[in-house]
N, C-alpha and C. Protein backbone atom coordinates (compact mmCIF):
# COMPACT_ATOMS: atom_id res chain seq x y z
N MET A 1 97.48 98.88 87.55
CA MET A 1 98.51 99.33 86.64
C MET A 1 98.96 98.15 85.79
N SER A 2 99.09 98.36 84.51
CA SER A 2 99.53 97.28 83.63
C SER A 2 101.04 97.13 83.69
N LYS A 3 101.54 95.98 83.28
CA LYS A 3 102.98 95.77 83.22
C LYS A 3 103.62 96.72 82.21
N PHE A 4 102.90 97.05 81.15
CA PHE A 4 103.43 97.98 80.16
C PHE A 4 103.67 99.33 80.79
N THR A 5 102.72 99.80 81.58
CA THR A 5 102.90 101.08 82.26
C THR A 5 104.08 100.99 83.21
N GLY A 6 104.19 99.90 83.96
CA GLY A 6 105.29 99.71 84.90
C GLY A 6 106.64 99.67 84.21
N LEU A 7 106.67 99.19 82.99
CA LEU A 7 107.91 99.10 82.23
C LEU A 7 108.57 100.46 82.09
N PHE A 8 107.79 101.49 81.89
CA PHE A 8 108.33 102.82 81.66
C PHE A 8 108.14 103.76 82.84
N ASP A 9 107.63 103.28 83.97
CA ASP A 9 107.50 104.13 85.16
C ASP A 9 108.88 104.62 85.59
N GLY A 10 108.96 105.88 85.94
CA GLY A 10 110.21 106.45 86.42
C GLY A 10 111.22 106.74 85.33
N MET A 11 110.82 106.57 84.08
CA MET A 11 111.73 106.86 82.97
C MET A 11 111.38 108.21 82.36
N ALA A 12 112.40 108.87 81.89
CA ALA A 12 112.21 110.14 81.18
C ALA A 12 112.60 109.93 79.72
N VAL A 13 111.78 110.44 78.81
CA VAL A 13 112.11 110.38 77.39
C VAL A 13 113.29 111.31 77.16
N VAL A 14 114.36 110.76 76.60
CA VAL A 14 115.57 111.56 76.38
C VAL A 14 115.93 111.69 74.90
N ASP A 15 115.41 110.82 74.06
CA ASP A 15 115.70 110.88 72.63
C ASP A 15 114.47 110.51 71.83
N ILE A 16 114.29 111.19 70.70
CA ILE A 16 113.24 110.87 69.75
C ILE A 16 113.86 110.89 68.36
N ALA A 17 113.60 109.84 67.59
CA ALA A 17 114.05 109.80 66.19
C ALA A 17 112.82 109.47 65.36
N GLU A 18 112.50 110.33 64.42
CA GLU A 18 111.28 110.15 63.63
C GLU A 18 111.60 109.78 62.18
N SER A 19 110.72 108.97 61.63
CA SER A 19 110.77 108.59 60.22
C SER A 19 112.10 107.97 59.80
N GLU A 20 112.53 107.00 60.58
CA GLU A 20 113.74 106.25 60.23
C GLU A 20 113.33 104.87 59.75
N GLY A 21 113.38 104.64 58.47
CA GLY A 21 113.05 103.32 57.94
C GLY A 21 111.62 102.89 58.22
N GLY A 22 110.70 103.84 58.29
CA GLY A 22 109.30 103.53 58.54
C GLY A 22 108.91 103.50 60.01
N TYR A 23 109.84 103.88 60.89
CA TYR A 23 109.56 103.84 62.33
C TYR A 23 109.91 105.17 62.99
N ASN A 24 109.25 105.41 64.12
CA ASN A 24 109.61 106.46 65.07
C ASN A 24 110.12 105.74 66.32
N TYR A 25 111.15 106.27 66.94
CA TYR A 25 111.74 105.66 68.14
C TYR A 25 111.71 106.66 69.28
N TYR A 26 111.43 106.16 70.49
CA TYR A 26 111.38 106.98 71.69
C TYR A 26 112.25 106.31 72.75
N GLY A 27 113.35 106.95 73.11
CA GLY A 27 114.27 106.38 74.08
C GLY A 27 114.06 106.97 75.46
N SER A 28 114.03 106.10 76.46
CA SER A 28 113.79 106.51 77.85
C SER A 28 114.82 105.87 78.77
N VAL A 29 115.16 106.60 79.84
CA VAL A 29 116.17 106.13 80.78
C VAL A 29 115.72 106.40 82.22
N ARG A 30 116.04 105.47 83.12
CA ARG A 30 115.85 105.67 84.56
C ARG A 30 117.16 106.15 85.16
N SER A 31 117.10 106.73 86.33
CA SER A 31 118.30 107.24 87.00
C SER A 31 119.29 106.12 87.34
N ASN A 32 118.81 104.87 87.45
CA ASN A 32 119.71 103.75 87.77
C ASN A 32 120.36 103.14 86.52
N GLY A 33 120.10 103.71 85.34
CA GLY A 33 120.72 103.24 84.11
C GLY A 33 119.87 102.32 83.27
N GLU A 34 118.77 101.80 83.83
CA GLU A 34 117.87 100.96 83.02
C GLU A 34 117.27 101.82 81.92
N TRP A 35 117.02 101.21 80.77
CA TRP A 35 116.50 101.97 79.65
C TRP A 35 115.49 101.17 78.86
N GLY A 36 114.72 101.90 78.05
CA GLY A 36 113.76 101.27 77.14
C GLY A 36 113.63 102.11 75.89
N ILE A 37 113.37 101.44 74.79
CA ILE A 37 113.09 102.14 73.54
C ILE A 37 111.78 101.60 73.01
N MET A 38 110.87 102.50 72.71
CA MET A 38 109.61 102.12 72.08
C MET A 38 109.72 102.46 70.61
N ARG A 39 109.34 101.49 69.78
CA ARG A 39 109.34 101.69 68.32
C ARG A 39 107.90 101.71 67.85
N GLU A 40 107.57 102.72 67.09
CA GLU A 40 106.21 102.92 66.56
C GLU A 40 106.31 103.00 65.04
N THR A 41 105.41 102.32 64.33
CA THR A 41 105.40 102.52 62.89
C THR A 41 104.99 103.96 62.62
N THR A 42 105.48 104.52 61.53
CA THR A 42 105.14 105.91 61.23
C THR A 42 103.65 106.09 60.99
N ALA A 43 102.96 104.99 60.66
CA ALA A 43 101.50 105.04 60.51
C ALA A 43 100.80 105.01 61.87
N GLY A 44 101.56 104.74 62.94
CA GLY A 44 100.99 104.68 64.28
C GLY A 44 100.12 103.47 64.53
N THR A 45 100.40 102.38 63.83
CA THR A 45 99.54 101.20 63.93
C THR A 45 100.19 100.04 64.68
N GLU A 46 101.47 100.15 65.05
CA GLU A 46 102.16 99.06 65.73
C GLU A 46 103.18 99.64 66.70
N TYR A 47 103.22 99.07 67.90
CA TYR A 47 104.15 99.51 68.93
C TYR A 47 104.87 98.29 69.49
N ARG A 48 106.19 98.39 69.60
CA ARG A 48 107.01 97.33 70.16
C ARG A 48 108.06 97.98 71.06
N VAL A 49 108.66 97.18 71.96
CA VAL A 49 109.64 97.71 72.90
C VAL A 49 110.87 96.82 72.99
N VAL A 50 111.94 97.42 73.45
CA VAL A 50 113.15 96.71 73.84
C VAL A 50 113.63 97.39 75.12
N VAL A 51 114.19 96.61 76.05
CA VAL A 51 114.67 97.17 77.32
C VAL A 51 116.09 96.68 77.58
N GLY A 52 116.81 97.45 78.37
CA GLY A 52 118.16 97.09 78.75
C GLY A 52 118.44 97.51 80.17
N ALA A 53 119.46 96.89 80.76
CA ALA A 53 119.82 97.18 82.15
C ALA A 53 120.86 98.29 82.26
N SER A 54 121.65 98.48 81.21
CA SER A 54 122.67 99.52 81.21
C SER A 54 123.11 99.78 79.77
N GLY A 55 123.93 100.79 79.57
CA GLY A 55 124.47 101.07 78.25
C GLY A 55 123.49 101.72 77.29
N TYR A 56 122.75 102.71 77.79
CA TYR A 56 121.73 103.34 76.95
C TYR A 56 122.32 103.94 75.68
N ALA A 57 123.44 104.63 75.76
CA ALA A 57 123.99 105.31 74.58
C ALA A 57 124.22 104.31 73.44
N ALA A 58 124.80 103.17 73.75
CA ALA A 58 125.01 102.13 72.73
C ALA A 58 123.69 101.55 72.26
N GLY A 59 122.76 101.38 73.19
CA GLY A 59 121.43 100.86 72.84
C GLY A 59 120.69 101.79 71.90
N TRP A 60 120.77 103.08 72.16
CA TRP A 60 120.11 104.05 71.29
C TRP A 60 120.75 104.08 69.92
N THR A 61 122.07 104.06 69.88
CA THR A 61 122.77 104.07 68.59
C THR A 61 122.38 102.87 67.74
N ALA A 62 122.17 101.72 68.38
CA ALA A 62 121.83 100.48 67.67
C ALA A 62 120.33 100.25 67.57
N ARG A 63 119.52 101.28 67.75
CA ARG A 63 118.06 101.13 67.84
C ARG A 63 117.44 100.39 66.67
N ALA A 64 117.93 100.57 65.48
CA ALA A 64 117.33 99.93 64.31
C ALA A 64 117.62 98.43 64.25
N SER A 65 118.65 97.96 64.97
CA SER A 65 119.03 96.55 64.88
C SER A 65 118.53 95.69 66.04
N HIS A 66 117.88 96.29 67.02
CA HIS A 66 117.35 95.52 68.16
C HIS A 66 116.19 94.62 67.72
N THR A 67 115.94 93.60 68.50
CA THR A 67 114.73 92.78 68.34
C THR A 67 113.67 93.34 69.27
N TYR A 68 112.63 93.89 68.71
CA TYR A 68 111.54 94.50 69.48
C TYR A 68 110.42 93.49 69.69
N THR A 69 109.80 93.55 70.86
CA THR A 69 108.72 92.62 71.18
C THR A 69 107.49 93.37 71.65
N LEU A 70 106.39 92.66 71.66
CA LEU A 70 105.15 93.23 72.20
C LEU A 70 105.34 93.46 73.69
N PRO A 71 104.86 94.59 74.19
CA PRO A 71 104.90 94.79 75.64
C PRO A 71 103.91 93.85 76.30
N THR A 72 104.26 93.40 77.50
CA THR A 72 103.36 92.55 78.26
C THR A 72 102.33 93.43 78.96
N ILE A 73 101.08 93.16 78.72
CA ILE A 73 100.00 93.94 79.35
C ILE A 73 99.19 93.01 80.23
N GLY A 74 98.92 93.45 81.41
CA GLY A 74 98.08 92.63 82.28
C GLY A 74 98.51 92.63 83.70
């Protein structure tokens, strides 16, 4: 299993926002409050993530202002 897969294990997609400033966003949350947002270019050519330990609602609201990074694979 890759670290990228592990990053989102046990998370359920709870929000999707499409075509916002050239990106699609997918918000996921675990039952313990940890969360992740995957950002995809609308062309589907680039994927980046941001994760948090708590405060998903605020994290989702601020989705466009987060610093997204490449997921670690390996």
